[in-house]
N, C-alpha and C. Protein backbone atom coordinates (compact mmCIF):
# COMPACT_ATOMS: atom_id res chain seq x y z
N MET A 1 -5.30 -60.23 -30.24
CA MET A 1 -4.78 -59.91 -28.94
C MET A 1 -3.81 -58.74 -29.01
N VAL A 2 -3.03 -58.69 -30.04
CA VAL A 2 -2.07 -57.61 -30.23
C VAL A 2 -2.80 -56.29 -30.43
N GLU A 3 -3.86 -56.31 -31.24
CA GLU A 3 -4.63 -55.13 -31.48
C GLU A 3 -5.24 -54.57 -30.19
N TYR A 4 -5.76 -55.43 -29.36
CA TYR A 4 -6.35 -55.02 -28.09
C TYR A 4 -5.31 -54.33 -27.22
N HIS A 5 -4.10 -54.85 -27.20
CA HIS A 5 -3.01 -54.27 -26.40
C HIS A 5 -2.65 -52.88 -26.91
N CYS A 6 -2.62 -52.65 -28.22
CA CYS A 6 -2.31 -51.35 -28.80
C CYS A 6 -3.39 -50.33 -28.45
N VAL A 7 -4.62 -50.73 -28.52
CA VAL A 7 -5.73 -49.84 -28.18
C VAL A 7 -5.66 -49.47 -26.72
N ASP A 8 -5.31 -50.41 -25.86
CA ASP A 8 -5.19 -50.17 -24.43
C ASP A 8 -4.08 -49.16 -24.14
N ILE A 9 -2.94 -49.26 -24.81
CA ILE A 9 -1.83 -48.32 -24.63
C ILE A 9 -2.23 -46.94 -25.12
N ALA A 10 -2.89 -46.86 -26.26
CA ALA A 10 -3.35 -45.57 -26.78
C ALA A 10 -4.34 -44.93 -25.83
N SER A 11 -5.20 -45.72 -25.26
CA SER A 11 -6.18 -45.22 -24.31
C SER A 11 -5.49 -44.68 -23.05
N GLN A 12 -4.48 -45.38 -22.58
CA GLN A 12 -3.73 -44.93 -21.40
C GLN A 12 -3.00 -43.62 -21.69
N ASN A 13 -2.39 -43.51 -22.86
CA ASN A 13 -1.70 -42.27 -23.23
C ASN A 13 -2.67 -41.10 -23.29
N LYS A 14 -3.84 -41.35 -23.85
CA LYS A 14 -4.84 -40.29 -23.94
C LYS A 14 -5.30 -39.85 -22.54
N GLU A 15 -5.47 -40.78 -21.62
CA GLU A 15 -5.85 -40.47 -20.25
C GLU A 15 -4.77 -39.64 -19.56
N ARG A 16 -3.51 -40.00 -19.80
CA ARG A 16 -2.39 -39.23 -19.22
C ARG A 16 -2.38 -37.80 -19.76
N GLU A 17 -2.58 -37.66 -21.06
CA GLU A 17 -2.60 -36.33 -21.66
C GLU A 17 -3.73 -35.50 -21.07
N MET A 18 -4.88 -36.09 -20.91
CA MET A 18 -6.03 -35.38 -20.34
C MET A 18 -5.76 -35.00 -18.89
N SER A 19 -5.16 -35.90 -18.16
CA SER A 19 -4.84 -35.62 -16.76
C SER A 19 -3.83 -34.48 -16.66
N THR A 20 -2.82 -34.50 -17.52
CA THR A 20 -1.82 -33.43 -17.55
C THR A 20 -2.47 -32.11 -17.94
N LEU A 21 -3.34 -32.14 -18.92
CA LEU A 21 -4.03 -30.93 -19.36
C LEU A 21 -4.89 -30.36 -18.24
N LYS A 22 -5.61 -31.23 -17.52
CA LYS A 22 -6.43 -30.77 -16.40
C LYS A 22 -5.56 -30.13 -15.32
N SER A 23 -4.42 -30.76 -15.02
CA SER A 23 -3.51 -30.22 -14.02
C SER A 23 -2.99 -28.85 -14.43
N MET A 24 -2.64 -28.72 -15.70
CA MET A 24 -2.14 -27.44 -16.19
C MET A 24 -3.22 -26.37 -16.12
N MET A 25 -4.45 -26.73 -16.40
CA MET A 25 -5.55 -25.77 -16.34
C MET A 25 -5.80 -25.33 -14.90
N ILE A 26 -5.72 -26.26 -13.97
CA ILE A 26 -5.91 -25.92 -12.55
C ILE A 26 -4.80 -25.00 -12.08
N ILE A 27 -3.56 -25.30 -12.44
CA ILE A 27 -2.43 -24.46 -12.06
C ILE A 27 -2.58 -23.07 -12.67
N GLY A 28 -2.96 -23.00 -13.94
CA GLY A 28 -3.16 -21.72 -14.61
C GLY A 28 -4.24 -20.88 -13.94
N ALA A 29 -5.34 -21.53 -13.60
CA ALA A 29 -6.42 -20.82 -12.94
C ALA A 29 -5.98 -20.32 -11.56
N SER A 30 -5.20 -21.11 -10.87
CA SER A 30 -4.70 -20.70 -9.56
C SER A 30 -3.78 -19.49 -9.68
N LEU A 31 -2.93 -19.48 -10.69
CA LEU A 31 -2.03 -18.35 -10.90
C LEU A 31 -2.79 -17.07 -11.24
N VAL A 32 -3.81 -17.19 -12.06
CA VAL A 32 -4.63 -16.04 -12.41
C VAL A 32 -5.34 -15.50 -11.17
N ALA A 33 -5.87 -16.39 -10.35
CA ALA A 33 -6.56 -15.97 -9.12
C ALA A 33 -5.58 -15.30 -8.16
N ALA A 34 -4.38 -15.83 -8.05
CA ALA A 34 -3.38 -15.24 -7.16
C ALA A 34 -2.98 -13.86 -7.65
N ALA A 35 -2.80 -13.70 -8.93
CA ALA A 35 -2.44 -12.40 -9.50
C ALA A 35 -3.56 -11.38 -9.29
N ALA A 36 -4.79 -11.81 -9.45
CA ALA A 36 -5.92 -10.91 -9.26
C ALA A 36 -6.04 -10.47 -7.81
N SER A 37 -5.83 -11.38 -6.88
CA SER A 37 -5.94 -11.00 -5.47
C SER A 37 -4.77 -10.12 -5.06
N ALA A 38 -3.60 -10.32 -5.64
CA ALA A 38 -2.46 -9.46 -5.32
C ALA A 38 -2.69 -8.04 -5.82
N SER A 39 -3.25 -7.90 -7.00
CA SER A 39 -3.50 -6.56 -7.51
C SER A 39 -4.65 -5.90 -6.76
N ALA A 40 -5.57 -6.68 -6.25
CA ALA A 40 -6.70 -6.12 -5.51
C ALA A 40 -6.29 -5.73 -4.09
N ALA A 41 -5.18 -6.23 -3.60
CA ALA A 41 -4.75 -5.94 -2.24
C ALA A 41 -4.40 -4.48 -2.05
N THR A 42 -3.86 -3.83 -3.09
CA THR A 42 -3.51 -2.42 -2.99
C THR A 42 -4.11 -1.67 -4.17
N PRO A 43 -5.38 -1.30 -4.07
CA PRO A 43 -6.01 -0.60 -5.17
C PRO A 43 -5.40 0.78 -5.37
N ARG A 44 -5.40 1.22 -6.57
CA ARG A 44 -4.85 2.53 -6.91
C ARG A 44 -5.80 3.62 -6.41
N VAL A 45 -5.24 4.62 -5.74
CA VAL A 45 -6.05 5.72 -5.23
C VAL A 45 -6.06 6.86 -6.25
N SER A 46 -6.97 7.77 -6.07
CA SER A 46 -7.06 8.92 -6.98
C SER A 46 -5.83 9.81 -6.81
N ASP A 47 -5.63 10.71 -7.76
CA ASP A 47 -4.51 11.64 -7.67
C ASP A 47 -4.63 12.53 -6.44
N GLY A 48 -5.85 12.95 -6.12
CA GLY A 48 -6.07 13.78 -4.94
C GLY A 48 -5.68 13.05 -3.65
N ALA A 49 -6.05 11.78 -3.56
CA ALA A 49 -5.69 10.99 -2.38
C ALA A 49 -4.18 10.76 -2.33
N TYR A 50 -3.56 10.57 -3.49
CA TYR A 50 -2.10 10.41 -3.55
C TYR A 50 -1.40 11.67 -3.05
N ILE A 51 -1.89 12.83 -3.46
CA ILE A 51 -1.30 14.11 -3.01
C ILE A 51 -1.47 14.26 -1.51
N GLN A 52 -2.65 13.90 -0.98
CA GLN A 52 -2.89 13.95 0.47
C GLN A 52 -1.94 13.01 1.20
N ALA A 53 -1.69 11.83 0.64
CA ALA A 53 -0.78 10.88 1.27
C ALA A 53 0.64 11.42 1.32
N GLU A 54 1.06 12.14 0.29
CA GLU A 54 2.39 12.78 0.30
C GLU A 54 2.46 13.82 1.41
N ARG A 55 1.39 14.58 1.58
CA ARG A 55 1.34 15.56 2.67
C ARG A 55 1.45 14.84 4.01
N CYS A 56 0.72 13.76 4.14
CA CYS A 56 0.76 12.98 5.38
C CYS A 56 2.15 12.43 5.67
N ALA A 57 2.86 12.03 4.62
CA ALA A 57 4.21 11.51 4.82
C ALA A 57 5.10 12.56 5.48
N ALA A 58 4.94 13.82 5.06
CA ALA A 58 5.72 14.90 5.67
C ALA A 58 5.31 15.11 7.13
N LEU A 59 4.03 15.05 7.42
CA LEU A 59 3.56 15.25 8.80
C LEU A 59 4.02 14.12 9.71
N ILE A 60 3.97 12.89 9.20
CA ILE A 60 4.38 11.74 10.01
C ILE A 60 5.88 11.77 10.29
N SER A 61 6.66 12.24 9.34
CA SER A 61 8.12 12.23 9.50
C SER A 61 8.67 13.52 10.11
N SER A 62 7.82 14.47 10.39
CA SER A 62 8.27 15.77 10.87
C SER A 62 8.82 15.72 12.29
N PRO A 63 10.08 16.14 12.49
CA PRO A 63 10.63 16.21 13.86
C PRO A 63 9.89 17.26 14.70
N ALA A 64 9.38 18.31 14.06
CA ALA A 64 8.68 19.36 14.79
C ALA A 64 7.38 18.86 15.43
N LEU A 65 6.79 17.83 14.84
CA LEU A 65 5.54 17.28 15.38
C LEU A 65 5.77 16.00 16.17
N GLY A 66 7.02 15.56 16.24
CA GLY A 66 7.32 14.29 16.89
C GLY A 66 7.35 13.20 15.84
N ARG A 67 8.52 12.91 15.36
CA ARG A 67 8.69 11.95 14.27
C ARG A 67 8.14 10.57 14.64
N HIS A 68 7.45 9.94 13.67
CA HIS A 68 6.88 8.61 13.84
C HIS A 68 7.45 7.66 12.79
N ASP A 69 7.14 6.40 12.94
CA ASP A 69 7.57 5.39 11.97
C ASP A 69 6.87 5.64 10.64
N THR A 70 7.65 5.76 9.59
CA THR A 70 7.10 6.07 8.26
C THR A 70 7.06 4.86 7.34
N SER A 71 7.40 3.69 7.83
CA SER A 71 7.48 2.52 6.94
C SER A 71 6.16 2.22 6.25
N GLY A 72 5.04 2.37 6.95
CA GLY A 72 3.74 2.08 6.35
C GLY A 72 3.40 3.03 5.22
N ILE A 73 3.54 4.32 5.45
CA ILE A 73 3.20 5.28 4.40
C ILE A 73 4.24 5.27 3.28
N ASP A 74 5.50 5.00 3.62
CA ASP A 74 6.53 4.89 2.57
C ASP A 74 6.21 3.75 1.62
N SER A 75 5.78 2.63 2.18
CA SER A 75 5.41 1.48 1.37
C SER A 75 4.19 1.80 0.50
N PHE A 76 3.21 2.45 1.09
CA PHE A 76 2.00 2.85 0.36
C PHE A 76 2.36 3.76 -0.81
N LEU A 77 3.20 4.77 -0.56
CA LEU A 77 3.57 5.72 -1.61
C LEU A 77 4.41 5.06 -2.70
N LYS A 78 5.28 4.16 -2.30
CA LYS A 78 6.10 3.46 -3.30
C LYS A 78 5.20 2.67 -4.24
N ASP A 79 4.19 2.02 -3.68
CA ASP A 79 3.25 1.26 -4.49
C ASP A 79 2.43 2.18 -5.38
N GLN A 80 2.03 3.33 -4.87
CA GLN A 80 1.17 4.26 -5.61
C GLN A 80 1.94 5.11 -6.62
N ASP A 81 3.25 5.24 -6.46
CA ASP A 81 4.06 6.02 -7.41
C ASP A 81 4.04 5.42 -8.81
N ARG A 82 4.03 4.10 -8.88
CA ARG A 82 4.10 3.41 -10.18
C ARG A 82 2.94 3.81 -11.08
N GLY A 83 3.28 4.28 -12.27
CA GLY A 83 2.26 4.61 -13.25
C GLY A 83 1.53 5.91 -13.00
N ARG A 84 1.94 6.66 -12.01
CA ARG A 84 1.29 7.93 -11.69
C ARG A 84 1.70 8.97 -12.73
N VAL A 85 0.77 9.81 -13.17
CA VAL A 85 1.12 10.86 -14.13
C VAL A 85 2.06 11.86 -13.47
N GLU A 86 2.93 12.44 -14.27
CA GLU A 86 3.98 13.33 -13.75
C GLU A 86 3.40 14.52 -12.98
N ALA A 87 2.30 15.08 -13.47
CA ALA A 87 1.70 16.24 -12.80
C ALA A 87 1.26 15.90 -11.38
N ALA A 88 0.66 14.74 -11.19
CA ALA A 88 0.22 14.33 -9.84
C ALA A 88 1.43 14.08 -8.95
N TYR A 89 2.45 13.45 -9.51
CA TYR A 89 3.67 13.21 -8.74
C TYR A 89 4.29 14.53 -8.28
N GLU A 90 4.38 15.50 -9.17
CA GLU A 90 4.96 16.80 -8.82
C GLU A 90 4.11 17.53 -7.78
N ARG A 91 2.79 17.47 -7.93
CA ARG A 91 1.91 18.11 -6.94
C ARG A 91 2.04 17.44 -5.58
N GLY A 92 2.26 16.12 -5.60
CA GLY A 92 2.48 15.40 -4.35
C GLY A 92 3.76 15.85 -3.66
N GLN A 93 4.82 16.01 -4.44
CA GLN A 93 6.09 16.48 -3.87
C GLN A 93 5.94 17.90 -3.31
N GLU A 94 5.19 18.72 -4.02
CA GLU A 94 4.93 20.09 -3.56
C GLU A 94 4.14 20.08 -2.26
N ALA A 95 3.13 19.23 -2.18
CA ALA A 95 2.33 19.12 -0.95
C ALA A 95 3.20 18.64 0.22
N ARG A 96 4.11 17.73 -0.05
CA ARG A 96 5.02 17.23 0.98
C ARG A 96 5.91 18.36 1.50
N GLU A 97 6.49 19.12 0.58
CA GLU A 97 7.36 20.23 0.96
C GLU A 97 6.59 21.29 1.75
N ASN A 98 5.39 21.62 1.30
CA ASN A 98 4.57 22.61 2.00
C ASN A 98 4.21 22.14 3.41
N ALA A 99 3.85 20.89 3.56
CA ALA A 99 3.49 20.36 4.88
C ALA A 99 4.70 20.35 5.82
N ALA A 100 5.86 20.02 5.30
CA ALA A 100 7.07 20.03 6.13
C ALA A 100 7.37 21.45 6.59
N ARG A 101 7.21 22.42 5.70
CA ARG A 101 7.44 23.83 6.06
C ARG A 101 6.41 24.28 7.09
N GLU A 102 5.14 23.92 6.88
CA GLU A 102 4.09 24.27 7.85
C GLU A 102 4.43 23.73 9.24
N ALA A 103 4.86 22.49 9.29
CA ALA A 103 5.17 21.87 10.58
C ALA A 103 6.35 22.56 11.27
N ARG A 104 7.36 22.94 10.49
CA ARG A 104 8.54 23.61 11.07
C ARG A 104 8.21 24.99 11.61
N THR A 105 7.31 25.71 10.96
CA THR A 105 7.06 27.10 11.33
C THR A 105 5.77 27.30 12.13
N ALA A 106 5.06 26.25 12.42
CA ALA A 106 3.75 26.36 13.09
C ALA A 106 3.88 26.75 14.56
N GLY A 107 2.92 27.56 15.00
CA GLY A 107 2.79 27.87 16.41
C GLY A 107 2.09 26.72 17.13
N ALA A 108 1.80 26.91 18.39
CA ALA A 108 1.22 25.85 19.22
C ALA A 108 -0.13 25.36 18.67
N TYR A 109 -1.02 26.30 18.32
CA TYR A 109 -2.34 25.91 17.84
C TYR A 109 -2.23 25.20 16.49
N ALA A 110 -1.44 25.75 15.58
CA ALA A 110 -1.29 25.14 14.26
C ALA A 110 -0.65 23.75 14.37
N LYS A 111 0.30 23.60 15.29
CA LYS A 111 0.91 22.28 15.50
C LYS A 111 -0.13 21.27 15.98
N SER A 112 -1.00 21.70 16.88
CA SER A 112 -2.02 20.77 17.37
C SER A 112 -2.95 20.35 16.22
N GLN A 113 -3.25 21.28 15.31
CA GLN A 113 -4.10 20.96 14.15
C GLN A 113 -3.38 19.97 13.22
N LEU A 114 -2.09 20.20 13.00
CA LEU A 114 -1.31 19.30 12.12
C LEU A 114 -1.16 17.92 12.75
N MET A 115 -1.00 17.89 14.08
CA MET A 115 -0.90 16.60 14.77
C MET A 115 -2.23 15.84 14.70
N ALA A 116 -3.33 16.57 14.78
CA ALA A 116 -4.65 15.94 14.66
C ALA A 116 -4.83 15.35 13.26
N GLU A 117 -4.36 16.07 12.25
CA GLU A 117 -4.41 15.55 10.87
C GLU A 117 -3.54 14.31 10.75
N ARG A 118 -2.33 14.39 11.28
CA ARG A 118 -1.40 13.26 11.22
C ARG A 118 -1.96 12.03 11.93
N ASP A 119 -2.55 12.23 13.10
CA ASP A 119 -3.06 11.11 13.89
C ASP A 119 -4.46 10.68 13.46
N GLY A 120 -5.08 11.43 12.57
CA GLY A 120 -6.41 11.10 12.08
C GLY A 120 -6.37 10.54 10.67
N ILE A 121 -6.63 11.41 9.71
CA ILE A 121 -6.75 10.97 8.31
C ILE A 121 -5.49 10.30 7.79
N CYS A 122 -4.34 10.74 8.24
CA CYS A 122 -3.08 10.18 7.73
C CYS A 122 -2.90 8.71 8.09
N GLN A 123 -3.57 8.26 9.12
CA GLN A 123 -3.42 6.86 9.51
C GLN A 123 -4.02 5.92 8.48
N SER A 124 -4.97 6.39 7.69
CA SER A 124 -5.53 5.53 6.65
C SER A 124 -4.49 5.25 5.57
N TYR A 125 -3.55 6.16 5.37
CA TYR A 125 -2.48 5.95 4.39
C TYR A 125 -1.30 5.21 5.02
N ALA A 126 -1.08 5.44 6.30
CA ALA A 126 0.05 4.81 6.99
C ALA A 126 -0.23 3.35 7.29
N GLY A 127 -1.49 2.95 7.24
CA GLY A 127 -1.83 1.55 7.41
C GLY A 127 -1.87 1.09 8.86
N GLY A 128 -2.17 1.98 9.77
CA GLY A 128 -2.23 1.55 11.16
C GLY A 128 -3.15 2.41 11.98
N PRO A 129 -3.39 2.00 13.21
CA PRO A 129 -4.23 2.80 14.10
C PRO A 129 -3.50 4.07 14.53
N ALA A 130 -4.21 4.97 15.11
CA ALA A 130 -3.57 6.20 15.60
C ALA A 130 -2.43 5.83 16.54
N MET A 131 -1.37 6.61 16.44
CA MET A 131 -0.16 6.29 17.20
C MET A 131 -0.31 6.77 18.64
N ALA A 132 -1.04 6.05 19.42
CA ALA A 132 -1.42 6.48 20.76
C ALA A 132 -0.22 6.64 21.69
N ALA A 133 0.72 5.74 21.64
CA ALA A 133 1.85 5.81 22.57
C ALA A 133 2.64 7.09 22.37
N THR A 134 2.93 7.44 21.13
CA THR A 134 3.71 8.64 20.87
C THR A 134 2.88 9.87 21.15
N THR A 135 1.61 9.85 20.81
CA THR A 135 0.74 10.99 21.07
C THR A 135 0.63 11.22 22.57
N ASP A 136 0.54 10.15 23.35
CA ASP A 136 0.49 10.29 24.80
C ASP A 136 1.75 10.95 25.34
N SER A 137 2.91 10.61 24.78
CA SER A 137 4.14 11.20 25.28
C SER A 137 4.19 12.69 24.95
N HIS A 138 3.60 13.11 23.80
CA HIS A 138 3.54 14.53 23.47
C HIS A 138 2.60 15.26 24.42
N ALA A 139 1.50 14.63 24.75
CA ALA A 139 0.54 15.26 25.65
C ALA A 139 1.18 15.46 27.02
N LYS A 140 1.96 14.52 27.49
CA LYS A 140 2.62 14.66 28.79
C LYS A 140 3.65 15.78 28.75
N SER A 141 4.39 15.89 27.63
CA SER A 141 5.41 16.95 27.56
C SER A 141 4.76 18.32 27.47
N ARG A 142 3.58 18.46 26.86
CA ARG A 142 2.89 19.75 26.80
C ARG A 142 2.34 20.12 28.16
N ALA A 143 1.93 19.11 28.90
CA ALA A 143 1.33 19.38 30.22
C ALA A 143 2.40 19.84 31.22
N ASN A 144 3.64 19.43 31.01
CA ASN A 144 4.71 19.82 31.95
C ASN A 144 5.19 21.18 31.72
């Protein structure tokens, strides 16, 4: 009878260990899946796209074109800055400076082209739809 009781206790301990091991494996798999989905949420863009996004940041924030909310593109660029090669980072800063200068010195036609770029392709980096409300207010001020 004593032997049977010892075997029963050993069997229960083994079941607990297996249950704990299964739980740990499930938790581990969940963590790996969560990490994979988090990294997939913001895929790394090419250096050319990063440089274009820097240009867009200047156009979106330009007072000459009607300053817009930059939180979306700022977040995008902060995420994309990590691990970027120095040459691409420098070219991005150069593109930003050039776009800001273009916006400040542009005539009416060039401004309309820059605004079309800002409200078009740049929205894919800014993470939102075209900024219709602000664009409408610019259209009204040009019409007056």
